[in-house]
Every structure is written in structure tokens, then in C-alpha cells.
Amino acid sequence: MPEFALPRTAVVVRLQLTHGAPRTGEIFLFERVPQHSGPETPLEMLNRPEGFFPFRADGKSAVLLVTKAHTVLLSVPHAASISDPDRLSAARTIRLDVMLANGSTLAGVAAFEAPEYHARLLDYLNASHEPFFVISAHDAAHYVNRSHVLYARPLE
């Protein structure tokens, strides 16, 4: 019986799980999604309801099915959290520092669309019930699992 598959694009990432050292490899994103033009973003993939995603570690041919529940952080070099330039220019930005449950910290900028009276870090973190949110740093976009955050603080 022939298999049908939607076209996907491999994206190089650095994956940090609850146990073990960070690993570099590839995730696979849909080339098209129904909610907008263009390819799926890592944030959209991580926030889909499925509990696992495919990951191929560097130099390995086998694909691992990684649980999102134990994914602490997924970093994509030089990726933007909002790809539409008009939306990015309208978004508010907040500099923040996040302490993760594994003891590491992450500093960067969060961009989000919100009215002026809801532009605090607390508003950004509580704006969505999706498991992952994004912090952009100079080197990468970091997709952070909310359930592995101990605390966040603004850097203003």
C-alpha cells in the first residue's frame, strides 16, 4: 500500500531535553500550512497537539521521535519569531531573562502583538495557553517549553 506524505523541510536545530546534553540535528516542518502562506514555523510545530516530533541527530540516519513534554528548549539559528515584516514592525518587544528548571538561564527579546495596556512581560507569558513560546537572541530563536520555566523577569 503506497504511503502519502506531505512535503516537509528539514531545519537545523539544537535540542535540549530534560536529561542529557544538548544535541544538534534536524526537525521537519510542513512546507505549507492552512493558517498562512509559507512554511510552518518551529513554534507552530511545537504547539501542534501531537505529543511527539521527529528529530534526526547530526551524523545519524535514524529519526528519533522526541516527546514535547521533555523538550526544554529548541534553538534555531538566526530565526525570527514573526516572519511577516508588517507584523514584526507592529509587535511590541520585551527584553527578558528566563531561569529554566535545569538551572540554565536564557536572555533575549520577546516580540508579541498586544495593546499598549497589555504590554507587560506577565501579559506576554499569560497571553497563550500553548506549551511553547519564543525568545529571540542575537544568535538564535529559542523555543521554550513553559512547563520547564522556573521564573522570568524583565530586563528593562
N, C-alpha and C. Protein backbone atom coordinates (compact mmCIF):
# COMPACT_ATOMS: atom_id res chain seq x y z
N MET A 1 0.84 -1.17 0.00
CA MET A 1 0.00 0.00 0.00
C MET A 1 0.89 1.24 0.00
N PRO A 2 0.70 2.16 -0.94
CA PRO A 2 1.55 3.35 -1.00
C PRO A 2 1.27 4.29 0.18
N GLU A 3 2.34 4.96 0.63
CA GLU A 3 2.19 5.93 1.71
C GLU A 3 2.09 7.32 1.12
N PHE A 4 1.26 8.13 1.74
CA PHE A 4 1.12 9.52 1.34
C PHE A 4 1.75 10.38 2.42
N ALA A 5 2.54 11.36 2.00
CA ALA A 5 3.19 12.24 2.97
C ALA A 5 3.16 13.67 2.43
N LEU A 6 2.97 14.60 3.33
CA LEU A 6 3.03 16.00 2.95
C LEU A 6 4.49 16.42 2.87
N PRO A 7 4.83 17.31 1.93
CA PRO A 7 6.22 17.75 1.82
C PRO A 7 6.67 18.48 3.08
N ARG A 8 7.88 18.17 3.50
CA ARG A 8 8.45 18.78 4.70
C ARG A 8 9.85 19.30 4.39
N THR A 9 10.26 20.28 5.19
CA THR A 9 11.58 20.87 5.06
C THR A 9 12.37 20.58 6.33
N ALA A 10 13.62 20.16 6.17
CA ALA A 10 14.49 19.92 7.31
C ALA A 10 15.09 21.24 7.78
N VAL A 11 15.09 21.47 9.09
CA VAL A 11 15.63 22.69 9.68
C VAL A 11 16.64 22.28 10.75
N VAL A 12 17.82 22.88 10.71
CA VAL A 12 18.86 22.58 11.69
C VAL A 12 18.51 23.25 13.02
N VAL A 13 18.60 22.47 14.11
CA VAL A 13 18.25 22.97 15.44
C VAL A 13 19.23 22.44 16.48
N ARG A 14 19.14 23.01 17.66
CA ARG A 14 19.83 22.49 18.84
C ARG A 14 18.73 22.15 19.84
N LEU A 15 18.70 20.92 20.28
CA LEU A 15 17.64 20.40 21.14
C LEU A 15 18.15 20.14 22.54
N GLN A 16 17.46 20.69 23.55
CA GLN A 16 17.78 20.43 24.95
C GLN A 16 16.59 19.71 25.57
N LEU A 17 16.83 18.50 26.03
CA LEU A 17 15.80 17.72 26.71
C LEU A 17 16.01 17.81 28.22
N THR A 18 15.09 17.25 28.99
CA THR A 18 15.20 17.32 30.45
C THR A 18 16.42 16.54 30.95
N HIS A 19 16.90 15.57 30.18
CA HIS A 19 18.07 14.79 30.57
C HIS A 19 19.05 14.76 29.41
N GLY A 20 20.34 14.78 29.74
CA GLY A 20 21.37 14.68 28.71
C GLY A 20 21.83 16.03 28.21
N ALA A 21 22.89 15.99 27.44
CA ALA A 21 23.49 17.20 26.87
C ALA A 21 22.67 17.66 25.67
N PRO A 22 22.74 18.96 25.33
CA PRO A 22 22.07 19.44 24.12
C PRO A 22 22.59 18.70 22.89
N ARG A 23 21.72 18.50 21.92
CA ARG A 23 22.08 17.80 20.68
C ARG A 23 21.72 18.65 19.48
N THR A 24 22.59 18.64 18.49
CA THR A 24 22.32 19.32 17.23
C THR A 24 21.76 18.29 16.25
N GLY A 25 20.83 18.74 15.43
CA GLY A 25 20.23 17.85 14.45
C GLY A 25 19.20 18.59 13.61
N GLU A 26 18.22 17.86 13.12
CA GLU A 26 17.20 18.44 12.24
C GLU A 26 15.80 18.09 12.75
N ILE A 27 14.89 19.07 12.60
CA ILE A 27 13.47 18.82 12.75
C ILE A 27 12.85 18.98 11.37
N PHE A 28 11.60 18.60 11.24
CA PHE A 28 10.96 18.61 9.92
C PHE A 28 9.66 19.39 10.00
N LEU A 29 9.56 20.46 9.17
CA LEU A 29 8.41 21.35 9.17
C LEU A 29 7.65 21.22 7.86
N PHE A 30 6.31 21.35 7.95
CA PHE A 30 5.49 21.32 6.74
C PHE A 30 5.87 22.48 5.83
N GLU A 31 5.91 22.22 4.54
CA GLU A 31 6.21 23.29 3.58
C GLU A 31 5.06 24.27 3.45
N ARG A 32 3.84 23.82 3.77
CA ARG A 32 2.67 24.69 3.71
C ARG A 32 1.74 24.35 4.87
N VAL A 33 1.07 25.39 5.37
CA VAL A 33 0.08 25.21 6.42
C VAL A 33 -1.17 26.00 6.04
N PRO A 34 -2.34 25.59 6.50
CA PRO A 34 -3.57 26.27 6.09
C PRO A 34 -3.77 27.66 6.69
N GLN A 35 -3.14 27.98 7.81
CA GLN A 35 -3.42 29.24 8.50
C GLN A 35 -2.70 30.46 7.94
N HIS A 36 -1.68 30.27 7.07
CA HIS A 36 -0.98 31.40 6.47
C HIS A 36 -0.19 30.90 5.26
N SER A 37 0.32 31.85 4.47
CA SER A 37 1.16 31.46 3.34
C SER A 37 2.56 31.15 3.87
N GLY A 38 3.25 30.30 3.15
CA GLY A 38 4.61 29.96 3.54
C GLY A 38 4.68 28.73 4.41
N PRO A 39 5.90 28.38 4.82
CA PRO A 39 6.11 27.15 5.58
C PRO A 39 5.69 27.27 7.04
N GLU A 40 5.55 26.14 7.66
CA GLU A 40 5.27 26.05 9.10
C GLU A 40 6.49 26.59 9.85
N THR A 41 6.26 27.22 10.99
CA THR A 41 7.35 27.69 11.83
C THR A 41 7.64 26.64 12.91
N PRO A 42 8.84 26.68 13.49
CA PRO A 42 9.11 25.76 14.60
C PRO A 42 8.11 25.92 15.75
N LEU A 43 7.70 27.15 16.02
CA LEU A 43 6.74 27.39 17.10
C LEU A 43 5.40 26.71 16.78
N GLU A 44 4.96 26.81 15.55
CA GLU A 44 3.70 26.15 15.17
C GLU A 44 3.82 24.64 15.31
N MET A 45 4.94 24.07 14.89
CA MET A 45 5.14 22.62 15.01
C MET A 45 5.12 22.21 16.47
N LEU A 46 5.84 22.92 17.32
CA LEU A 46 5.91 22.57 18.74
C LEU A 46 4.56 22.72 19.44
N ASN A 47 3.74 23.64 18.98
CA ASN A 47 2.44 23.88 19.62
C ASN A 47 1.29 23.09 18.99
N ARG A 48 1.59 22.26 18.00
CA ARG A 48 0.55 21.35 17.48
C ARG A 48 0.17 20.38 18.60
N PRO A 49 -1.02 19.81 18.57
CA PRO A 49 -1.45 18.94 19.68
C PRO A 49 -0.73 17.60 19.78
N GLU A 50 -0.06 17.15 18.73
CA GLU A 50 0.65 15.87 18.81
C GLU A 50 1.72 15.93 19.89
N GLY A 51 1.92 14.82 20.59
CA GLY A 51 2.85 14.77 21.71
C GLY A 51 4.30 14.55 21.34
N PHE A 52 4.59 14.16 20.10
CA PHE A 52 5.95 13.85 19.67
C PHE A 52 6.27 14.55 18.36
N PHE A 53 7.56 14.74 18.10
CA PHE A 53 8.01 15.27 16.81
C PHE A 53 9.27 14.53 16.38
N PRO A 54 9.49 14.41 15.07
CA PRO A 54 10.69 13.72 14.58
C PRO A 54 11.93 14.61 14.67
N PHE A 55 13.04 13.98 15.06
CA PHE A 55 14.33 14.67 15.20
C PHE A 55 15.41 13.72 14.73
N ARG A 56 16.28 14.20 13.83
CA ARG A 56 17.42 13.41 13.38
C ARG A 56 18.69 14.06 13.88
N ALA A 57 19.40 13.37 14.76
CA ALA A 57 20.65 13.90 15.32
C ALA A 57 21.71 13.95 14.22
N ASP A 58 22.63 14.91 14.33
CA ASP A 58 23.73 15.04 13.36
C ASP A 58 24.46 13.72 13.19
N GLY A 59 24.72 13.37 11.95
CA GLY A 59 25.50 12.18 11.66
C GLY A 59 24.76 10.87 11.85
N LYS A 60 23.48 10.95 12.13
CA LYS A 60 22.70 9.73 12.36
C LYS A 60 21.64 9.62 11.26
N SER A 61 21.38 8.41 10.82
CA SER A 61 20.34 8.24 9.81
C SER A 61 18.99 7.95 10.45
N ALA A 62 18.99 7.44 11.68
CA ALA A 62 17.74 7.12 12.35
C ALA A 62 17.07 8.38 12.87
N VAL A 63 15.75 8.42 12.73
CA VAL A 63 14.96 9.53 13.24
C VAL A 63 14.42 9.13 14.61
N LEU A 64 14.62 10.00 15.58
CA LEU A 64 14.07 9.80 16.92
C LEU A 64 12.73 10.51 17.01
N LEU A 65 11.78 9.91 17.69
CA LEU A 65 10.51 10.56 17.95
C LEU A 65 10.59 11.12 19.37
N VAL A 66 10.74 12.43 19.46
CA VAL A 66 11.01 13.11 20.73
C VAL A 66 9.71 13.62 21.33
N THR A 67 9.55 13.40 22.63
CA THR A 67 8.36 13.91 23.31
C THR A 67 8.49 15.40 23.58
N LYS A 68 7.43 16.12 23.31
CA LYS A 68 7.43 17.56 23.56
C LYS A 68 7.44 17.85 25.07
N ALA A 69 6.86 16.96 25.85
CA ALA A 69 6.77 17.17 27.30
C ALA A 69 8.15 17.27 27.94
N HIS A 70 9.15 16.56 27.41
CA HIS A 70 10.51 16.60 27.98
C HIS A 70 11.45 17.45 27.14
N THR A 71 10.91 18.21 26.21
CA THR A 71 11.71 19.17 25.45
C THR A 71 11.73 20.47 26.25
N VAL A 72 12.90 20.86 26.72
CA VAL A 72 13.05 22.09 27.49
C VAL A 72 13.17 23.27 26.54
N LEU A 73 13.99 23.10 25.50
CA LEU A 73 14.36 24.20 24.63
C LEU A 73 14.73 23.68 23.26
N LEU A 74 14.28 24.38 22.23
CA LEU A 74 14.67 24.08 20.86
C LEU A 74 15.16 25.39 20.28
N SER A 75 16.41 25.43 19.83
CA SER A 75 17.00 26.67 19.31
C SER A 75 17.24 26.54 17.82
N VAL A 76 16.84 27.59 17.08
CA VAL A 76 17.02 27.65 15.63
C VAL A 76 17.89 28.86 15.33
N PRO A 77 19.07 28.66 14.74
CA PRO A 77 19.95 29.79 14.46
C PRO A 77 19.31 30.86 13.58
N HIS A 78 19.41 32.10 14.02
CA HIS A 78 19.01 33.28 13.26
C HIS A 78 17.58 33.21 12.73
N ALA A 79 16.66 32.62 13.44
CA ALA A 79 15.27 32.57 13.01
C ALA A 79 14.50 33.72 13.65
N ALA A 80 13.48 34.18 12.98
CA ALA A 80 12.64 35.25 13.52
C ALA A 80 11.36 34.64 14.07
N SER A 81 10.88 35.19 15.16
CA SER A 81 9.67 34.65 15.77
C SER A 81 8.42 35.04 14.99
N ILE A 82 8.43 36.19 14.35
CA ILE A 82 7.32 36.60 13.48
C ILE A 82 7.93 36.85 12.12
N SER A 83 7.51 36.08 11.12
CA SER A 83 8.16 36.17 9.82
C SER A 83 7.57 37.25 8.92
N ASP A 84 6.35 37.69 9.19
CA ASP A 84 5.71 38.72 8.39
C ASP A 84 6.29 40.08 8.81
N PRO A 85 6.98 40.82 7.90
CA PRO A 85 7.63 42.08 8.28
C PRO A 85 6.65 43.12 8.82
N ASP A 86 5.42 43.17 8.28
CA ASP A 86 4.44 44.13 8.77
C ASP A 86 4.04 43.82 10.21
N ARG A 87 3.85 42.54 10.51
CA ARG A 87 3.51 42.14 11.87
C ARG A 87 4.68 42.37 12.81
N LEU A 88 5.90 42.12 12.34
CA LEU A 88 7.08 42.31 13.17
C LEU A 88 7.26 43.78 13.53
N SER A 89 7.02 44.67 12.57
CA SER A 89 7.17 46.11 12.86
C SER A 89 6.09 46.60 13.81
N ALA A 90 4.93 45.95 13.84
CA ALA A 90 3.84 46.35 14.74
C ALA A 90 3.96 45.71 16.11
N ALA A 91 4.79 44.71 16.25
CA ALA A 91 4.89 43.97 17.51
C ALA A 91 5.65 44.77 18.56
N ARG A 92 5.27 44.55 19.79
CA ARG A 92 5.97 45.12 20.93
C ARG A 92 7.10 44.16 21.30
N THR A 93 8.17 44.68 21.86
CA THR A 93 9.26 43.82 22.29
C THR A 93 9.54 44.04 23.77
N ILE A 94 9.89 42.96 24.42
CA ILE A 94 10.24 43.00 25.84
C ILE A 94 11.54 42.24 26.01
N ARG A 95 12.53 42.86 26.64
CA ARG A 95 13.77 42.16 26.98
C ARG A 95 13.51 41.37 28.26
N LEU A 96 13.94 40.11 28.27
CA LEU A 96 13.68 39.27 29.43
C LEU A 96 14.79 38.28 29.68
N ASP A 97 14.76 37.75 30.88
CA ASP A 97 15.69 36.73 31.35
C ASP A 97 14.82 35.61 31.91
N VAL A 98 15.13 34.37 31.54
CA VAL A 98 14.34 33.22 31.98
C VAL A 98 15.26 32.23 32.69
N MET A 99 14.84 31.75 33.84
CA MET A 99 15.56 30.70 34.58
C MET A 99 14.81 29.40 34.32
N LEU A 100 15.52 28.41 33.78
CA LEU A 100 14.92 27.12 33.46
C LEU A 100 15.12 26.14 34.61
N ALA A 101 14.29 25.12 34.65
CA ALA A 101 14.33 24.13 35.73
C ALA A 101 15.66 23.39 35.80
N ASN A 102 16.38 23.30 34.68
CA ASN A 102 17.67 22.60 34.69
C ASN A 102 18.81 23.50 35.20
N GLY A 103 18.48 24.73 35.63
CA GLY A 103 19.47 25.64 36.18
C GLY A 103 20.08 26.61 35.19
N SER A 104 19.81 26.45 33.91
CA SER A 104 20.35 27.37 32.91
C SER A 104 19.47 28.61 32.79
N THR A 105 20.07 29.68 32.29
CA THR A 105 19.32 30.91 32.06
C THR A 105 19.37 31.26 30.58
N LEU A 106 18.41 32.03 30.17
CA LEU A 106 18.30 32.44 28.78
C LEU A 106 17.85 33.89 28.76
N ALA A 107 18.57 34.74 28.04
CA ALA A 107 18.21 36.15 27.92
C ALA A 107 17.96 36.47 26.46
N GLY A 108 17.01 37.36 26.23
CA GLY A 108 16.71 37.76 24.86
C GLY A 108 15.54 38.71 24.82
N VAL A 109 14.87 38.69 23.67
CA VAL A 109 13.75 39.59 23.42
C VAL A 109 12.55 38.77 23.00
N ALA A 110 11.40 39.12 23.54
CA ALA A 110 10.14 38.51 23.12
C ALA A 110 9.37 39.56 22.33
N ALA A 111 8.90 39.18 21.16
CA ALA A 111 8.09 40.08 20.33
C ALA A 111 6.66 39.54 20.32
N PHE A 112 5.70 40.42 20.60
CA PHE A 112 4.31 39.98 20.58
C PHE A 112 3.40 41.14 20.24
N GLU A 113 2.24 40.78 19.74
CA GLU A 113 1.24 41.77 19.36
C GLU A 113 0.27 41.93 20.51
N ALA A 114 0.21 43.13 21.07
CA ALA A 114 -0.66 43.39 22.21
C ALA A 114 -0.97 44.87 22.27
N PRO A 115 -2.15 45.20 22.81
CA PRO A 115 -2.43 46.62 23.02
C PRO A 115 -1.50 47.19 24.09
N GLU A 116 -1.35 48.51 24.09
CA GLU A 116 -0.41 49.16 25.00
C GLU A 116 -0.67 48.82 26.46
N TYR A 117 -1.93 48.68 26.83
CA TYR A 117 -2.27 48.41 28.24
C TYR A 117 -2.09 46.94 28.61
N HIS A 118 -1.65 46.10 27.67
CA HIS A 118 -1.33 44.69 27.95
C HIS A 118 0.06 44.36 27.41
N ALA A 119 1.04 45.22 27.68
CA ALA A 119 2.36 45.06 27.09
C ALA A 119 3.43 44.67 28.11
N ARG A 120 3.01 44.14 29.25
CA ARG A 120 3.98 43.72 30.27
C ARG A 120 4.45 42.30 29.97
N LEU A 121 5.58 41.92 30.58
CA LEU A 121 6.08 40.56 30.44
C LEU A 121 5.03 39.55 30.92
N LEU A 122 4.37 39.86 32.01
CA LEU A 122 3.33 38.98 32.53
C LEU A 122 2.23 38.77 31.48
N ASP A 123 1.85 39.83 30.77
CA ASP A 123 0.84 39.71 29.72
C ASP A 123 1.31 38.79 28.59
N TYR A 124 2.59 38.94 28.21
CA TYR A 124 3.14 38.08 27.16
C TYR A 124 3.12 36.62 27.58
N LEU A 125 3.59 36.34 28.79
CA LEU A 125 3.67 34.96 29.25
C LEU A 125 2.29 34.33 29.45
N ASN A 126 1.31 35.14 29.82
CA ASN A 126 -0.04 34.62 30.05
C ASN A 126 -0.97 34.75 28.84
N ALA A 127 -0.49 35.33 27.75
CA ALA A 127 -1.34 35.56 26.59
C ALA A 127 -1.77 34.28 25.89
N SER A 128 -1.05 33.22 26.09
CA SER A 128 -1.33 31.97 25.38
C SER A 128 -1.25 30.80 26.34
N HIS A 129 -2.07 29.79 26.05
CA HIS A 129 -2.02 28.56 26.83
C HIS A 129 -1.22 27.49 26.09
N GLU A 130 -0.62 27.86 24.96
CA GLU A 130 0.19 26.91 24.20
C GLU A 130 1.46 26.60 24.99
N PRO A 131 1.99 25.38 24.83
CA PRO A 131 3.12 24.97 25.67
C PRO A 131 4.43 25.71 25.40
N PHE A 132 4.67 26.20 24.19
CA PHE A 132 5.95 26.82 23.86
C PHE A 132 5.78 28.29 23.53
N PHE A 133 6.79 29.09 23.88
CA PHE A 133 6.87 30.49 23.48
C PHE A 133 8.29 30.75 22.99
N VAL A 134 8.52 31.90 22.36
CA VAL A 134 9.82 32.15 21.73
C VAL A 134 10.52 33.34 22.35
N ILE A 135 11.84 33.20 22.50
CA ILE A 135 12.73 34.28 22.92
C ILE A 135 13.80 34.40 21.83
N SER A 136 13.96 35.59 21.28
CA SER A 136 14.97 35.81 20.25
C SER A 136 16.22 36.40 20.88
N ALA A 137 17.35 35.83 20.55
CA ALA A 137 18.64 36.35 20.99
C ALA A 137 19.44 36.68 19.73
N HIS A 138 20.63 37.23 19.90
CA HIS A 138 21.43 37.64 18.74
C HIS A 138 21.82 36.44 17.87
N ASP A 139 21.93 35.25 18.44
CA ASP A 139 22.41 34.09 17.69
C ASP A 139 21.30 33.15 17.20
N ALA A 140 20.12 33.18 17.84
CA ALA A 140 19.09 32.20 17.51
C ALA A 140 17.74 32.60 18.07
N ALA A 141 16.72 31.92 17.60
CA ALA A 141 15.40 31.97 18.22
C ALA A 141 15.30 30.74 19.10
N HIS A 142 14.91 30.94 20.35
CA HIS A 142 14.84 29.86 21.32
C HIS A 142 13.37 29.59 21.65
N TYR A 143 12.93 28.38 21.38
CA TYR A 143 11.55 27.98 21.63
C TYR A 143 11.53 27.26 22.97
N VAL A 144 10.90 27.87 23.96
CA VAL A 144 10.98 27.46 25.35
C VAL A 144 9.68 26.79 25.78
N ASN A 145 9.80 25.66 26.46
CA ASN A 145 8.64 24.95 27.00
C ASN A 145 8.27 25.60 28.33
N ARG A 146 7.06 26.17 28.42
CA ARG A 146 6.61 26.86 29.63
C ARG A 146 6.72 26.00 30.89
N SER A 147 6.49 24.70 30.73
CA SER A 147 6.47 23.84 31.92
C SER A 147 7.86 23.63 32.51
N HIS A 148 8.90 24.10 31.82
CA HIS A 148 10.27 23.97 32.34
C HIS A 148 10.87 25.32 32.74
N VAL A 149 10.02 26.34 32.88
CA VAL A 149 10.47 27.67 33.30
C VAL A 149 10.20 27.81 34.80
N LEU A 150 11.25 28.16 35.55
CA LEU A 150 11.07 28.44 36.98
C LEU A 150 10.55 29.86 37.18
N TYR A 151 11.20 30.82 36.50
CA TYR A 151 10.71 32.19 36.56
C TYR A 151 11.27 32.99 35.38
N ALA A 152 10.63 34.13 35.13
CA ALA A 152 11.08 35.06 34.11
C ALA A 152 11.07 36.45 34.74
N ARG A 153 11.96 37.30 34.24
CA ARG A 153 11.98 38.68 34.75
C ARG A 153 12.32 39.62 33.59
N PRO A 154 11.71 40.80 33.61
CA PRO A 154 12.02 41.78 32.56
C PRO A 154 13.42 42.36 32.77
N LEU A 155 14.08 42.73 31.67
CA LEU A 155 15.42 43.33 31.72
C LEU A 155 15.36 44.77 31.24
N GLU A 156 14.50 45.54 31.79
CA GLU A 156 14.33 46.93 31.36
C GLU A 156 15.09 47.86 32.27
